[in-house]
Amino acid sequence: MTAKKHTDISDAEEARIQKLIASDPDSPELTDAQIASAKPFAEAFPEIAQKMRKNVGGRPKSASPKVPVSIRLDQDVVAKFKATGPGWQSRINEVLRKSAVQ
């Protein structure tokens, strides 16, 4: 990833930006008193914050989670399984499971 170059803006451009900010009726600048009385979101809206914590999304936890491993296989074996389409790693797992049971 390449970093974006930072370019300084002129004083006139800064003044123009600040004027636009000050003129925005939907987002007035906060007063010192408002800033001092600000609360964390979870304190101001505990019910919503609790729901957000519970609803993090993602997949449900598996009863038997998989273990990540690194294994070296022959190229032709991997190519053969990949050629069968998505789910090829699961199919390798099935073959290994059958072999381990014997």
PDB file of N, CA and C in Angstrom:
ATOM      1  N   MET A   1       0.843  -1.161   0.000  1.00  0.00           N
ATOM      2  CA  MET A   1       0.000   0.000   0.000  1.00  0.00           C
ATOM      3  C   MET A   1       0.896   1.234   0.000  1.00  0.00           C
ATOM      4  N   THR A   2       0.594   2.180  -0.838  1.00  0.00           N
ATOM      5  CA  THR A   2       1.405   3.386  -0.887  1.00  0.00           C
ATOM      6  C   THR A   2       0.741   4.483  -0.089  1.00  0.00           C
ATOM      7  N   ALA A   3       1.566   5.247   0.592  1.00  0.00           N
ATOM      8  CA  ALA A   3       1.041   6.338   1.407  1.00  0.00           C
ATOM      9  C   ALA A   3       0.713   7.528   0.519  1.00  0.00           C
ATOM     10  N   LYS A   4      -0.380   8.199   0.832  1.00  0.00           N
ATOM     11  CA  LYS A   4      -0.742   9.383   0.071  1.00  0.00           C
ATOM     12  C   LYS A   4       0.133  10.537   0.534  1.00  0.00           C
ATOM     13  N   LYS A   5       0.505  11.373  -0.410  1.00  0.00           N
ATOM     14  CA  LYS A   5       1.311  12.537  -0.063  1.00  0.00           C
ATOM     15  C   LYS A   5       0.422  13.584   0.582  1.00  0.00           C
ATOM     16  N   HIS A   6       0.928  14.195   1.609  1.00  0.00           N
ATOM     17  CA  HIS A   6       0.214  15.261   2.294  1.00  0.00           C
ATOM     18  C   HIS A   6       0.653  16.585   1.690  1.00  0.00           C
ATOM     19  N   THR A   7      -0.301  17.365   1.275  1.00  0.00           N
ATOM     20  CA  THR A   7       0.029  18.684   0.748  1.00  0.00           C
ATOM     21  C   THR A   7      -0.593  19.728   1.648  1.00  0.00           C
ATOM     22  N   ASP A   8       0.188  20.718   2.018  1.00  0.00           N
ATOM     23  CA  ASP A   8      -0.306  21.798   2.859  1.00  0.00           C
ATOM     24  C   ASP A   8      -1.285  22.657   2.064  1.00  0.00           C
ATOM     25  N   ILE A   9      -2.287  23.176   2.762  1.00  0.00           N
ATOM     26  CA  ILE A   9      -3.223  24.078   2.099  1.00  0.00           C
ATOM     27  C   ILE A   9      -2.887  25.501   2.512  1.00  0.00           C
ATOM     28  N   SER A  10      -3.295  26.424   1.707  1.00  0.00           N
ATOM     29  CA  SER A  10      -2.992  27.832   1.985  1.00  0.00           C
ATOM     30  C   SER A  10      -3.872  28.337   3.121  1.00  0.00           C
ATOM     31  N   ASP A  11      -3.476  29.460   3.693  1.00  0.00           N
ATOM     32  CA  ASP A  11      -4.279  30.076   4.754  1.00  0.00           C
ATOM     33  C   ASP A  11      -5.655  30.463   4.227  1.00  0.00           C
ATOM     34  N   ALA A  12      -5.711  30.907   2.974  1.00  0.00           N
ATOM     35  CA  ALA A  12      -6.993  31.297   2.378  1.00  0.00           C
ATOM     36  C   ALA A  12      -7.912  30.090   2.250  1.00  0.00           C
ATOM     37  N   GLU A  13      -7.354  28.939   1.836  1.00  0.00           N
ATOM     38  CA  GLU A  13      -8.146  27.722   1.705  1.00  0.00           C
ATOM     39  C   GLU A  13      -8.618  27.248   3.077  1.00  0.00           C
ATOM     40  N   GLU A  14      -7.762  27.314   4.071  1.00  0.00           N
ATOM     41  CA  GLU A  14      -8.140  26.940   5.443  1.00  0.00           C
ATOM     42  C   GLU A  14      -9.270  27.832   5.940  1.00  0.00           C
ATOM     43  N   ALA A  15      -9.173  29.148   5.689  1.00  0.00           N
ATOM     44  CA  ALA A  15     -10.214  30.086   6.108  1.00  0.00           C
ATOM     45  C   ALA A  15     -11.537  29.764   5.411  1.00  0.00           C
ATOM     46  N   ARG A  16     -11.483  29.405   4.126  1.00  0.00           N
ATOM     47  CA  ARG A  16     -12.685  29.064   3.367  1.00  0.00           C
ATOM     48  C   ARG A  16     -13.331  27.805   3.957  1.00  0.00           C
ATOM     49  N   ILE A  17     -12.521  26.819   4.293  1.00  0.00           N
ATOM     50  CA  ILE A  17     -13.037  25.578   4.885  1.00  0.00           C
ATOM     51  C   ILE A  17     -13.680  25.852   6.240  1.00  0.00           C
ATOM     52  N   GLN A  18     -13.022  26.624   7.070  1.00  0.00           N
ATOM     53  CA  GLN A  18     -13.569  26.948   8.394  1.00  0.00           C
ATOM     54  C   GLN A  18     -14.877  27.718   8.281  1.00  0.00           C
ATOM     55  N   LYS A  19     -14.977  28.617   7.281  1.00  0.00           N
ATOM     56  CA  LYS A  19     -16.208  29.380   7.062  1.00  0.00           C
ATOM     57  C   LYS A  19     -17.343  28.433   6.675  1.00  0.00           C
ATOM     58  N   LEU A  20     -17.054  27.461   5.803  1.00  0.00           N
ATOM     59  CA  LEU A  20     -18.071  26.480   5.413  1.00  0.00           C
ATOM     60  C   LEU A  20     -18.515  25.632   6.595  1.00  0.00           C
ATOM     61  N   ILE A  21     -17.565  25.242   7.432  1.00  0.00           N
ATOM     62  CA  ILE A  21     -17.896  24.458   8.627  1.00  0.00           C
ATOM     63  C   ILE A  21     -18.826  25.252   9.534  1.00  0.00           C
ATOM     64  N   ALA A  22     -18.478  26.518   9.771  1.00  0.00           N
ATOM     65  CA  ALA A  22     -19.270  27.374  10.664  1.00  0.00           C
ATOM     66  C   ALA A  22     -20.665  27.638  10.109  1.00  0.00           C
ATOM     67  N   SER A  23     -20.818  27.621   8.790  1.00  0.00           N
ATOM     68  CA  SER A  23     -22.119  27.945   8.195  1.00  0.00           C
ATOM     69  C   SER A  23     -23.032  26.724   8.055  1.00  0.00           C
ATOM     70  N   ASP A  24     -22.578  25.542   8.433  1.00  0.00           N
ATOM     71  CA  ASP A  24     -23.381  24.330   8.294  1.00  0.00           C
ATOM     72  C   ASP A  24     -24.426  24.259   9.398  1.00  0.00           C
ATOM     73  N   PRO A  25     -25.716  24.441   9.073  1.00  0.00           N
ATOM     74  CA  PRO A  25     -26.750  24.444  10.117  1.00  0.00           C
ATOM     75  C   PRO A  25     -26.994  23.055  10.713  1.00  0.00           C
ATOM     76  N   ASP A  26     -26.598  21.999  10.010  1.00  0.00           N
ATOM     77  CA  ASP A  26     -26.828  20.647  10.506  1.00  0.00           C
ATOM     78  C   ASP A  26     -25.758  20.178  11.476  1.00  0.00           C
ATOM     79  N   SER A  27     -24.682  20.925  11.574  1.00  0.00           N
ATOM     80  CA  SER A  27     -23.592  20.499  12.438  1.00  0.00           C
ATOM     81  C   SER A  27     -22.915  21.705  13.089  1.00  0.00           C
ATOM     82  N   PRO A  28     -23.629  22.349  14.021  1.00  0.00           N
ATOM     83  CA  PRO A  28     -23.011  23.509  14.670  1.00  0.00           C
ATOM     84  C   PRO A  28     -21.852  23.082  15.567  1.00  0.00           C
ATOM     85  N   GLU A  29     -20.908  23.985  15.753  1.00  0.00           N
ATOM     86  CA  GLU A  29     -19.756  23.687  16.596  1.00  0.00           C
ATOM     87  C   GLU A  29     -20.209  23.560  18.054  1.00  0.00           C
ATOM     88  N   LEU A  30     -19.686  22.580  18.752  1.00  0.00           N
ATOM     89  CA  LEU A  30     -20.057  22.366  20.149  1.00  0.00           C
ATOM     90  C   LEU A  30     -19.444  23.436  21.039  1.00  0.00           C
ATOM     91  N   THR A  31     -20.185  23.770  22.091  1.00  0.00           N
ATOM     92  CA  THR A  31     -19.660  24.715  23.077  1.00  0.00           C
ATOM     93  C   THR A  31     -18.797  23.951  24.069  1.00  0.00           C
ATOM     94  N   ASP A  32     -18.017  24.685  24.857  1.00  0.00           N
ATOM     95  CA  ASP A  32     -17.197  24.047  25.888  1.00  0.00           C
ATOM     96  C   ASP A  32     -18.069  23.301  26.892  1.00  0.00           C
ATOM     97  N   ALA A  33     -19.232  23.861  27.222  1.00  0.00           N
ATOM     98  CA  ALA A  33     -20.142  23.215  28.176  1.00  0.00           C
ATOM     99  C   ALA A  33     -20.677  21.898  27.599  1.00  0.00           C
ATOM    100  N   GLN A  34     -20.992  21.880  26.311  1.00  0.00           N
ATOM    101  CA  GLN A  34     -21.483  20.652  25.674  1.00  0.00           C
ATOM    102  C   GLN A  34     -20.397  19.581  25.652  1.00  0.00           C
ATOM    103  N   ILE A  35     -19.188  19.998  25.365  1.00  0.00           N
ATOM    104  CA  ILE A  35     -18.073  19.049  25.350  1.00  0.00           C
ATOM    105  C   ILE A  35     -17.838  18.489  26.744  1.00  0.00           C
ATOM    106  N   ALA A  36     -17.911  19.342  27.760  1.00  0.00           N
ATOM    107  CA  ALA A  36     -17.684  18.907  29.143  1.00  0.00           C
ATOM    108  C   ALA A  36     -18.764  17.938  29.609  1.00  0.00           C
ATOM    109  N   SER A  37     -19.988  18.081  29.097  1.00  0.00           N
ATOM    110  CA  SER A  37     -21.072  17.207  29.548  1.00  0.00           C
ATOM    111  C   SER A  37     -21.235  15.957  28.673  1.00  0.00           C
ATOM    112  N   ALA A  38     -20.378  15.785  27.695  1.00  0.00           N
ATOM    113  CA  ALA A  38     -20.481  14.630  26.804  1.00  0.00           C
ATOM    114  C   ALA A  38     -20.215  13.334  27.565  1.00  0.00           C
ATOM    115  N   LYS A  39     -20.940  12.273  27.171  1.00  0.00           N
ATOM    116  CA  LYS A  39     -20.788  10.961  27.795  1.00  0.00           C
ATOM    117  C   LYS A  39     -20.390   9.950  26.724  1.00  0.00           C
ATOM    118  N   PRO A  40     -19.752   8.870  27.127  1.00  0.00           N
ATOM    119  CA  PRO A  40     -19.485   7.796  26.169  1.00  0.00           C
ATOM    120  C   PRO A  40     -20.813   7.222  25.662  1.00  0.00           C
ATOM    121  N   PHE A  41     -20.806   6.717  24.430  1.00  0.00           N
ATOM    122  CA  PHE A  41     -22.024   6.180  23.820  1.00  0.00           C
ATOM    123  C   PHE A  41     -22.687   5.143  24.714  1.00  0.00           C
ATOM    124  N   ALA A  42     -21.904   4.207  25.243  1.00  0.00           N
ATOM    125  CA  ALA A  42     -22.462   3.121  26.053  1.00  0.00           C
ATOM    126  C   ALA A  42     -23.139   3.650  27.316  1.00  0.00           C
ATOM    127  N   GLU A  43     -22.669   4.773  27.816  1.00  0.00           N
ATOM    128  CA  GLU A  43     -23.273   5.362  29.014  1.00  0.00           C
ATOM    129  C   GLU A  43     -24.536   6.143  28.652  1.00  0.00           C
ATOM    130  N   ALA A  44     -24.518   6.820  27.519  1.00  0.00           N
ATOM    131  CA  ALA A  44     -25.665   7.620  27.093  1.00  0.00           C
ATOM    132  C   ALA A  44     -26.811   6.747  26.577  1.00  0.00           C
ATOM    133  N   PHE A  45     -26.477   5.646  25.910  1.00  0.00           N
ATOM    134  CA  PHE A  45     -27.488   4.760  25.326  1.00  0.00           C
ATOM    135  C   PHE A  45     -27.174   3.307  25.691  1.00  0.00           C
ATOM    136  N   PRO A  46     -27.336   2.923  26.965  1.00  0.00           N
ATOM    137  CA  PRO A  46     -26.920   1.580  27.391  1.00  0.00           C
ATOM    138  C   PRO A  46     -27.660   0.434  26.696  1.00  0.00           C
ATOM    139  N   GLU A  47     -28.970   0.615  26.419  1.00  0.00           N
ATOM    140  CA  GLU A  47     -29.722  -0.469  25.779  1.00  0.00           C
ATOM    141  C   GLU A  47     -29.212  -0.731  24.364  1.00  0.00           C
ATOM    142  N   ILE A  48     -29.007   0.337  23.621  1.00  0.00           N
ATOM    143  CA  ILE A  48     -28.524   0.192  22.247  1.00  0.00           C
ATOM    144  C   ILE A  48     -27.111  -0.398  22.247  1.00  0.00           C
ATOM    145  N   ALA A  49     -26.282   0.096  23.154  1.00  0.00           N
ATOM    146  CA  ALA A  49     -24.904  -0.401  23.233  1.00  0.00           C
ATOM    147  C   ALA A  49     -24.873  -1.885  23.554  1.00  0.00           C
ATOM    148  N   GLN A  50     -25.759  -2.334  24.448  1.00  0.00           N
ATOM    149  CA  GLN A  50     -25.820  -3.751  24.812  1.00  0.00           C
ATOM    150  C   GLN A  50     -26.227  -4.603  23.614  1.00  0.00           C
ATOM    151  N   LYS A  51     -27.229  -4.128  22.852  1.00  0.00           N
ATOM    152  CA  LYS A  51     -27.666  -4.856  21.658  1.00  0.00           C
ATOM    153  C   LYS A  51     -26.534  -4.938  20.642  1.00  0.00           C
ATOM    154  N   MET A  52     -25.777  -3.868  20.499  1.00  0.00           N
ATOM    155  CA  MET A  52     -24.675  -3.849  19.541  1.00  0.00           C
ATOM    156  C   MET A  52     -23.595  -4.844  19.956  1.00  0.00           C
ATOM    157  N   ARG A  53     -23.335  -4.945  21.260  1.00  0.00           N
ATOM    158  CA  ARG A  53     -22.327  -5.892  21.752  1.00  0.00           C
ATOM    159  C   ARG A  53     -22.757  -7.330  21.481  1.00  0.00           C
ATOM    160  N   LYS A  54     -24.047  -7.602  21.655  1.00  0.00           N
ATOM    161  CA  LYS A  54     -24.554  -8.959  21.455  1.00  0.00           C
ATOM    162  C   LYS A  54     -24.601  -9.326  19.974  1.00  0.00           C
ATOM    163  N   ASN A  55     -24.857  -8.348  19.125  1.00  0.00           N
ATOM    164  CA  ASN A  55     -25.056  -8.611  17.704  1.00  0.00           C
ATOM    165  C   ASN A  55     -23.802  -8.261  16.910  1.00  0.00           C
ATOM    166  N   VAL A  56     -22.706  -8.923  17.229  1.00  0.00           N
ATOM    167  CA  VAL A  56     -21.462  -8.669  16.516  1.00  0.00           C
ATOM    168  C   VAL A  56     -21.444  -9.354  15.161  1.00  0.00           C
ATOM    169  N   GLY A  57     -22.369 -10.251  14.952  1.00  0.00           N
ATOM    170  CA  GLY A  57     -22.456 -10.917  13.665  1.00  0.00           C
ATOM    171  C   GLY A  57     -21.449 -12.039  13.546  1.00  0.00           C
ATOM    172  N   GLY A  58     -21.257 -12.448  12.345  1.00  0.00           N
ATOM    173  CA  GLY A  58     -20.325 -13.530  12.109  1.00  0.00           C
ATOM    174  C   GLY A  58     -20.992 -14.878  12.227  1.00  0.00           C
ATOM    175  N   ARG A  59     -20.206 -15.877  12.019  1.00  0.00           N
ATOM    176  CA  ARG A  59     -20.656 -17.253  12.049  1.00  0.00           C
ATOM    177  C   ARG A  59     -20.821 -17.741  13.484  1.00  0.00           C
ATOM    178  N   PRO A  60     -21.801 -18.595  13.752  1.00  0.00           N
ATOM    179  CA  PRO A  60     -21.901 -19.161  15.100  1.00  0.00           C
ATOM    180  C   PRO A  60     -20.681 -20.041  15.392  1.00  0.00           C
ATOM    181  N   LYS A  61     -20.331 -20.153  16.655  1.00  0.00           N
ATOM    182  CA  LYS A  61     -19.188 -20.982  17.051  1.00  0.00           C
ATOM    183  C   LYS A  61     -19.485 -22.438  16.736  1.00  0.00           C
ATOM    184  N   SER A  62     -18.490 -23.110  16.174  1.00  0.00           N
ATOM    185  CA  SER A  62     -18.635 -24.516  15.810  1.00  0.00           C
ATOM    186  C   SER A  62     -18.415 -25.405  17.031  1.00  0.00           C
ATOM    187  N   ALA A  63     -19.157 -26.504  17.084  1.00  0.00           N
ATOM    188  CA  ALA A  63     -18.979 -27.470  18.164  1.00  0.00           C
ATOM    189  C   ALA A  63     -17.634 -28.188  18.029  1.00  0.00           C
ATOM    190  N   SER A  64     -17.172 -28.324  16.792  1.00  0.00           N
ATOM    191  CA  SER A  64     -15.870 -28.956  16.556  1.00  0.00           C
ATOM    192  C   SER A  64     -15.075 -28.084  15.576  1.00  0.00           C
ATOM    193  N   PRO A  65     -14.453 -27.033  16.075  1.00  0.00           N
ATOM    194  CA  PRO A  65     -13.751 -26.114  15.188  1.00  0.00           C
ATOM    195  C   PRO A  65     -12.553 -26.765  14.502  1.00  0.00           C
ATOM    196  N   LYS A  66     -12.269 -26.284  13.316  1.00  0.00           N
ATOM    197  CA  LYS A  66     -11.121 -26.787  12.546  1.00  0.00           C
ATOM    198  C   LYS A  66      -9.833 -26.209  13.138  1.00  0.00           C
ATOM    199  N   VAL A  67      -8.748 -26.905  12.913  1.00  0.00           N
ATOM    200  CA  VAL A  67      -7.440 -26.477  13.394  1.00  0.00           C
ATOM    201  C   VAL A  67      -6.599 -26.081  12.181  1.00  0.00           C
ATOM    202  N   PRO A  68      -6.102 -24.843  12.138  1.00  0.00           N
ATOM    203  CA  PRO A  68      -5.275 -24.468  10.990  1.00  0.00           C
ATOM    204  C   PRO A  68      -3.918 -25.176  11.042  1.00  0.00           C
ATOM    205  N   VAL A  69      -3.531 -25.773   9.924  1.00  0.00           N
ATOM    206  CA  VAL A  69      -2.238 -26.453   9.826  1.00  0.00           C
ATOM    207  C   VAL A  69      -1.597 -26.088   8.500  1.00  0.00           C
ATOM    208  N   SER A  70      -0.321 -26.321   8.434  1.00  0.00           N
ATOM    209  CA  SER A  70       0.404 -26.153   7.184  1.00  0.00           C
ATOM    210  C   SER A  70       0.902 -27.527   6.776  1.00  0.00           C
ATOM    211  N   ILE A  71       0.598 -27.921   5.549  1.00  0.00           N
ATOM    212  CA  ILE A  71       0.977 -29.244   5.076  1.00  0.00           C
ATOM    213  C   ILE A  71       1.480 -29.116   3.640  1.00  0.00           C
ATOM    214  N   ARG A  72       2.486 -29.870   3.311  1.00  0.00           N
ATOM    215  CA  ARG A  72       3.040 -29.839   1.958  1.00  0.00           C
ATOM    216  C   ARG A  72       2.513 -31.048   1.199  1.00  0.00           C
ATOM    217  N   LEU A  73       1.842 -30.766   0.084  1.00  0.00           N
ATOM    218  CA  LEU A  73       1.271 -31.822  -0.752  1.00  0.00           C
ATOM    219  C   LEU A  73       1.866 -31.726  -2.149  1.00  0.00           C
ATOM    220  N   ASP A  74       1.832 -32.827  -2.866  1.00  0.00           N
ATOM    221  CA  ASP A  74       2.308 -32.817  -4.246  1.00  0.00           C
ATOM    222  C   ASP A  74       1.411 -31.910  -5.087  1.00  0.00           C
ATOM    223  N   GLN A  75       2.040 -31.243  -6.063  1.00  0.00           N
ATOM    224  CA  GLN A  75       1.306 -30.303  -6.913  1.00  0.00           C
ATOM    225  C   GLN A  75       0.153 -30.972  -7.648  1.00  0.00           C
ATOM    226  N   ASP A  76       0.370 -32.170  -8.140  1.00  0.00           N
ATOM    227  CA  ASP A  76      -0.686 -32.841  -8.899  1.00  0.00           C
ATOM    228  C   ASP A  76      -1.883 -33.197  -8.024  1.00  0.00           C
ATOM    229  N   VAL A  77      -1.631 -33.506  -6.742  1.00  0.00           N
ATOM    230  CA  VAL A  77      -2.727 -33.821  -5.812  1.00  0.00           C
ATOM    231  C   VAL A  77      -3.571 -32.573  -5.577  1.00  0.00           C
ATOM    232  N   VAL A  78      -2.904 -31.463  -5.305  1.00  0.00           N
ATOM    233  CA  VAL A  78      -3.620 -30.201  -5.068  1.00  0.00           C
ATOM    234  C   VAL A  78      -4.379 -29.792  -6.325  1.00  0.00           C
ATOM    235  N   ALA A  79      -3.737 -29.901  -7.472  1.00  0.00           N
ATOM    236  CA  ALA A  79      -4.386 -29.531  -8.740  1.00  0.00           C
ATOM    237  C   ALA A  79      -5.645 -30.364  -8.979  1.00  0.00           C
ATOM    238  N   LYS A  80      -5.569 -31.647  -8.690  1.00  0.00           N
ATOM    239  CA  LYS A  80      -6.713 -32.547  -8.890  1.00  0.00           C
ATOM    240  C   LYS A  80      -7.894 -32.121  -7.999  1.00  0.00           C
ATOM    241  N   PHE A  81      -7.616 -31.826  -6.733  1.00  0.00           N
ATOM    242  CA  PHE A  81      -8.691 -31.409  -5.830  1.00  0.00           C
ATOM    243  C   PHE A  81      -9.225 -30.026  -6.215  1.00  0.00           C
ATOM    244  N   LYS A  82      -8.347 -29.095  -6.557  1.00  0.00           N
ATOM    245  CA  LYS A  82      -8.789 -27.754  -6.950  1.00  0.00           C
ATOM    246  C   LYS A  82      -9.652 -27.800  -8.197  1.00  0.00           C
ATOM    247  N   ALA A  83      -9.356 -28.728  -9.086  1.00  0.00           N
ATOM    248  CA  ALA A  83     -10.118 -28.850 -10.329  1.00  0.00           C
ATOM    249  C   ALA A  83     -11.569 -29.240 -10.069  1.00  0.00           C
ATOM    250  N   THR A  84     -11.855 -29.777  -8.891  1.00  0.00           N
ATOM    251  CA  THR A  84     -13.230 -30.171  -8.567  1.00  0.00           C
ATOM    252  C   THR A  84     -14.064 -28.991  -8.093  1.00  0.00           C
ATOM    253  N   GLY A  85     -13.448 -27.822  -7.969  1.00  0.00           N
ATOM    254  CA  GLY A  85     -14.188 -26.603  -7.627  1.00  0.00           C
ATOM    255  C   GLY A  85     -14.104 -26.224  -6.160  1.00  0.00           C
ATOM    256  N   PRO A  86     -14.922 -25.226  -5.785  1.00  0.00           N
ATOM    257  CA  PRO A  86     -14.917 -24.755  -4.396  1.00  0.00           C
ATOM    258  C   PRO A  86     -15.210 -25.900  -3.422  1.00  0.00           C
ATOM    259  N   GLY A  87     -14.591 -25.828  -2.256  1.00  0.00           N
ATOM    260  CA  GLY A  87     -14.765 -26.867  -1.253  1.00  0.00           C
ATOM    261  C   GLY A  87     -13.699 -27.945  -1.326  1.00  0.00           C
ATOM    262  N   TRP A  88     -12.674 -27.713  -2.129  1.00  0.00           N
ATOM    263  CA  TRP A  88     -11.642 -28.746  -2.327  1.00  0.00           C
ATOM    264  C   TRP A  88     -10.896 -29.053  -1.035  1.00  0.00           C
ATOM    265  N   GLN A  89     -10.717 -28.049  -0.167  1.00  0.00           N
ATOM    266  CA  GLN A  89     -10.023 -28.315   1.098  1.00  0.00           C
ATOM    267  C   GLN A  89     -10.870 -29.216   1.998  1.00  0.00           C
ATOM    268  N   SER A  90     -12.176 -28.995   1.983  1.00  0.00           N
ATOM    269  CA  SER A  90     -13.066 -29.866   2.761  1.00  0.00           C
ATOM    270  C   SER A  90     -13.034 -31.294   2.232  1.00  0.00           C
ATOM    271  N   ARG A  91     -12.924 -31.437   0.914  1.00  0.00           N
ATOM    272  CA  ARG A  91     -12.849 -32.780   0.340  1.00  0.00           C
ATOM    273  C   ARG A  91     -11.543 -33.474   0.726  1.00  0.00           C
ATOM    274  N   ILE A  92     -10.463 -32.715   0.785  1.00  0.00           N
ATOM    275  CA  ILE A  92      -9.200 -33.302   1.269  1.00  0.00           C
ATOM    276  C   ILE A  92      -9.384 -33.751   2.717  1.00  0.00           C
ATOM    277  N   ASN A  93     -10.059 -32.948   3.509  1.00  0.00           N
ATOM    278  CA  ASN A  93     -10.319 -33.296   4.902  1.00  0.00           C
ATOM    279  C   ASN A  93     -11.110 -34.603   4.985  1.00  0.00           C
ATOM    280  N   GLU A  94     -12.120 -34.780   4.114  1.00  0.00           N
ATOM    281  CA  GLU A  94     -12.927 -36.008   4.108  1.00  0.00           C
ATOM    282  C   GLU A  94     -12.068 -37.232   3.791  1.00  0.00           C
ATOM    283  N   VAL A  95     -11.209 -37.102   2.775  1.00  0.00           N
ATOM    284  CA  VAL A  95     -10.327 -38.206   2.400  1.00  0.00           C
ATOM    285  C   VAL A  95      -9.402 -38.580   3.558  1.00  0.00           C
ATOM    286  N   LEU A  96      -8.825 -37.551   4.211  1.00  0.00           N
ATOM    287  CA  LEU A  96      -7.941 -37.804   5.357  1.00  0.00           C
ATOM    288  C   LEU A  96      -8.698 -38.442   6.507  1.00  0.00           C
ATOM    289  N   ARG A  97      -9.935 -37.989   6.751  1.00  0.00           N
ATOM    290  CA  ARG A  97     -10.740 -38.572   7.829  1.00  0.00           C
ATOM    291  C   ARG A  97     -10.995 -40.040   7.576  1.00  0.00           C
ATOM    292  N   LYS A  98     -11.385 -40.418   6.332  1.00  0.00           N
ATOM    293  CA  LYS A  98     -11.639 -41.817   5.989  1.00  0.00           C
ATOM    294  C   LYS A  98     -10.367 -42.645   6.168  1.00  0.00           C
ATOM    295  N   SER A  99      -9.235 -42.081   5.782  1.00  0.00           N
ATOM    296  CA  SER A  99      -7.966 -42.785   5.899  1.00  0.00           C
ATOM    297  C   SER A  99      -7.574 -42.971   7.370  1.00  0.00           C
ATOM    298  N   ALA A 100      -7.873 -41.983   8.206  1.00  0.00           N
ATOM    299  CA  ALA A 100      -7.502 -42.042   9.624  1.00  0.00           C
ATOM    300  C   ALA A 100      -8.362 -43.046  10.376  1.00  0.00           C
ATOM    301  N   VAL A 101      -9.586 -43.296   9.933  1.00  0.00           N
ATOM    302  CA  VAL A 101     -10.512 -44.216  10.591  1.00  0.00           C
ATOM    303  C   VAL A 101     -10.111 -45.656  10.331  1.00  0.00           C
ATOM    304  N   GLN A 102      -9.535 -45.955   9.182  1.00  0.00           N
ATOM    305  CA  GLN A 102      -9.184 -47.339   8.803  1.00  0.00           C
ATOM    306  C   GLN A 102      -8.152 -47.937   9.705  1.00  0.00           C
TER     307      GLN A 102
END
